[in-house]
Amino acid sequence: MRIIALSTLKTFWEDSPEYIDAKEPTLAWYRHALNADWGAPADVKQDFRNASILKDGRVVFNIAGNKYRLVVWINYAYKVVYIRFIGSHAQYEKFVGNEFS
């Protein structure tokens, strides 16, 4: 899969020292997704059983033992994963509120 954009992930742990523990698990997710060949939501669930498949191609991944949430939008036809958000659960709740209000 092509992933846009790694810089969003890097900014999360580089700009906030309290989130440095997200670096390794997030990079592990990135490497896995980069080598994945997801053609449908079922393929994502096969690789990440705890991923939440939402409507319109959105997927929520649990990072670092569910300490953080990663929200992506996947274009399965073009094999592209767009990173929309990464943050703590509290930040995720605000993101969801803003995203859908």
C-alpha atoms as a PDB file:
ATOM      1  CA  MET A   1       0.000   0.000   0.000  1.00  0.00           C
ATOM      2  CA  ARG A   2       1.073   3.570  -0.539  1.00  0.00           C
ATOM      3  CA  ILE A   3       0.801   5.610   2.659  1.00  0.00           C
ATOM      4  CA  ILE A   4       0.215   9.354   2.777  1.00  0.00           C
ATOM      5  CA  ALA A   5       1.801  10.788   4.888  1.00  0.00           C
ATOM      6  CA  LEU A   6       4.441   9.406   7.209  1.00  0.00           C
ATOM      7  CA  SER A   7       5.174  12.989   8.278  1.00  0.00           C
ATOM      8  CA  THR A   8       1.847  13.088  10.164  1.00  0.00           C
ATOM      9  CA  LEU A   9       2.991  10.170  12.300  1.00  0.00           C
ATOM     10  CA  LYS A  10       6.476  11.596  12.849  1.00  0.00           C
ATOM     11  CA  THR A  11       5.085  14.962  13.902  1.00  0.00           C
ATOM     12  CA  PHE A  12       2.973  13.256  16.553  1.00  0.00           C
ATOM     13  CA  TRP A  13       5.868  11.736  18.477  1.00  0.00           C
ATOM     14  CA  GLU A  14       8.575  14.293  17.602  1.00  0.00           C
ATOM     15  CA  ASP A  15       6.623  17.416  18.592  1.00  0.00           C
ATOM     16  CA  SER A  16       5.348  16.013  21.886  1.00  0.00           C
ATOM     17  CA  PRO A  17       7.867  14.146  24.058  1.00  0.00           C
ATOM     18  CA  GLU A  18       5.049  12.552  26.074  1.00  0.00           C
ATOM     19  CA  TYR A  19       4.093  10.577  22.952  1.00  0.00           C
ATOM     20  CA  ILE A  20       7.546   9.170  22.173  1.00  0.00           C
ATOM     21  CA  ASP A  21       6.281   5.748  23.290  1.00  0.00           C
ATOM     22  CA  ALA A  22       4.065   5.757  20.182  1.00  0.00           C
ATOM     23  CA  LYS A  23       7.068   5.810  17.834  1.00  0.00           C
ATOM     24  CA  GLU A  24       7.956   2.110  17.648  1.00  0.00           C
ATOM     25  CA  PRO A  25       4.392   0.722  17.546  1.00  0.00           C
ATOM     26  CA  THR A  26       3.418   3.317  14.952  1.00  0.00           C
ATOM     27  CA  LEU A  27       6.429   2.505  12.790  1.00  0.00           C
ATOM     28  CA  ALA A  28       5.577  -1.193  13.117  1.00  0.00           C
ATOM     29  CA  TRP A  29       2.044  -0.422  11.845  1.00  0.00           C
ATOM     30  CA  TYR A  30       3.525   1.692   9.029  1.00  0.00           C
ATOM     31  CA  ARG A  31       5.897  -1.066   7.879  1.00  0.00           C
ATOM     32  CA  HIS A  32       3.101  -3.624   7.965  1.00  0.00           C
ATOM     33  CA  ALA A  33       0.691  -1.390   6.031  1.00  0.00           C
ATOM     34  CA  LEU A  34       3.386  -0.496   3.499  1.00  0.00           C
ATOM     35  CA  ASN A  35       3.812  -4.186   2.662  1.00  0.00           C
ATOM     36  CA  ALA A  36       0.095  -4.996   2.775  1.00  0.00           C
ATOM     37  CA  ASP A  37      -2.143  -5.554  -0.233  1.00  0.00           C
ATOM     38  CA  TRP A  38      -5.552  -4.562   1.087  1.00  0.00           C
ATOM     39  CA  GLY A  39      -8.247  -4.852  -1.544  1.00  0.00           C
ATOM     40  CA  ALA A  40     -11.198  -4.704   0.830  1.00  0.00           C
ATOM     41  CA  PRO A  41     -11.999  -4.036   4.507  1.00  0.00           C
ATOM     42  CA  ALA A  42     -11.910  -7.787   5.182  1.00  0.00           C
ATOM     43  CA  ASP A  43      -8.210  -7.796   4.263  1.00  0.00           C
ATOM     44  CA  VAL A  44      -7.530  -5.138   6.892  1.00  0.00           C
ATOM     45  CA  LYS A  45      -9.457  -7.144   9.513  1.00  0.00           C
ATOM     46  CA  GLN A  46      -7.441 -10.229   8.618  1.00  0.00           C
ATOM     47  CA  ASP A  47      -4.220  -8.350   9.406  1.00  0.00           C
ATOM     48  CA  PHE A  48      -5.537  -6.280  12.329  1.00  0.00           C
ATOM     49  CA  ARG A  49      -8.398  -8.025  14.120  1.00  0.00           C
ATOM     50  CA  ASN A  50      -8.930  -5.089  16.482  1.00  0.00           C
ATOM     51  CA  ALA A  51      -9.229  -2.517  13.706  1.00  0.00           C
ATOM     52  CA  SER A  52     -12.597  -0.792  13.524  1.00  0.00           C
ATOM     53  CA  ILE A  53     -13.965  -0.594  10.005  1.00  0.00           C
ATOM     54  CA  LEU A  54     -16.111   2.512   9.572  1.00  0.00           C
ATOM     55  CA  LYS A  55     -18.159   3.686   6.621  1.00  0.00           C
ATOM     56  CA  ASP A  56     -16.690   5.473   3.613  1.00  0.00           C
ATOM     57  CA  GLY A  57     -13.348   3.636   3.708  1.00  0.00           C
ATOM     58  CA  ARG A  58     -12.293   4.839   7.139  1.00  0.00           C
ATOM     59  CA  VAL A  59     -10.485   2.537   9.551  1.00  0.00           C
ATOM     60  CA  VAL A  60      -9.439   3.076  13.179  1.00  0.00           C
ATOM     61  CA  PHE A  61      -6.373   1.199  14.427  1.00  0.00           C
ATOM     62  CA  ASN A  62      -5.373   0.737  18.061  1.00  0.00           C
ATOM     63  CA  ILE A  63      -1.713   1.649  18.582  1.00  0.00           C
ATOM     64  CA  ALA A  64       0.546   0.786  21.539  1.00  0.00           C
ATOM     65  CA  GLY A  65      -1.877  -1.567  23.239  1.00  0.00           C
ATOM     66  CA  ASN A  66      -4.866   0.699  22.542  1.00  0.00           C
ATOM     67  CA  LYS A  67      -3.181   3.722  24.150  1.00  0.00           C
ATOM     68  CA  TYR A  68      -3.445   5.672  20.890  1.00  0.00           C
ATOM     69  CA  ARG A  69      -5.836   5.756  17.947  1.00  0.00           C
ATOM     70  CA  LEU A  70      -4.835   5.983  14.302  1.00  0.00           C
ATOM     71  CA  VAL A  71      -7.545   6.956  11.812  1.00  0.00           C
ATOM     72  CA  VAL A  72      -6.959   6.387   8.119  1.00  0.00           C
ATOM     73  CA  TRP A  73      -8.979   6.535   4.931  1.00  0.00           C
ATOM     74  CA  ILE A  74      -8.240   3.746   2.478  1.00  0.00           C
ATOM     75  CA  ASN A  75      -8.770   3.877  -1.260  1.00  0.00           C
ATOM     76  CA  TYR A  76      -8.756   0.146  -1.910  1.00  0.00           C
ATOM     77  CA  ALA A  77      -8.889   0.465  -5.714  1.00  0.00           C
ATOM     78  CA  TYR A  78      -5.720   2.571  -5.841  1.00  0.00           C
ATOM     79  CA  LYS A  79      -4.016   0.885  -2.849  1.00  0.00           C
ATOM     80  CA  VAL A  80      -3.572   4.180  -0.981  1.00  0.00           C
ATOM     81  CA  VAL A  81      -3.838   4.775   2.769  1.00  0.00           C
ATOM     82  CA  TYR A  82      -4.340   8.388   3.834  1.00  0.00           C
ATOM     83  CA  ILE A  83      -3.461   9.110   7.452  1.00  0.00           C
ATOM     84  CA  ARG A  84      -6.169  11.357   8.881  1.00  0.00           C
ATOM     85  CA  PHE A  85      -5.370  11.408  12.605  1.00  0.00           C
ATOM     86  CA  ILE A  86      -3.204   9.942  15.352  1.00  0.00           C
ATOM     87  CA  GLY A  87      -3.624  10.752  19.015  1.00  0.00           C
ATOM     88  CA  SER A  88      -4.621   9.684  22.496  1.00  0.00           C
ATOM     89  CA  HIS A  89      -8.150   8.529  23.271  1.00  0.00           C
ATOM     90  CA  ALA A  90      -9.078  12.002  24.562  1.00  0.00           C
ATOM     91  CA  GLN A  91      -7.720  13.612  21.401  1.00  0.00           C
ATOM     92  CA  TYR A  92      -9.559  11.021  19.321  1.00  0.00           C
ATOM     93  CA  GLU A  93     -12.868  11.891  20.985  1.00  0.00           C
ATOM     94  CA  LYS A  94     -12.340  15.564  20.087  1.00  0.00           C
ATOM     95  CA  PHE A  95     -11.366  14.605  16.525  1.00  0.00           C
ATOM     96  CA  VAL A  96     -14.467  12.465  16.119  1.00  0.00           C
ATOM     97  CA  GLY A  97     -16.637  15.260  17.493  1.00  0.00           C
ATOM     98  CA  ASN A  98     -15.161  17.791  15.073  1.00  0.00           C
ATOM     99  CA  GLU A  99     -15.130  15.384  12.142  1.00  0.00           C
ATOM    100  CA  PHE A 100     -18.812  14.535  12.364  1.00  0.00           C
ATOM    101  CA  SER A 101     -20.382  17.722  13.739  1.00  0.00           C
END
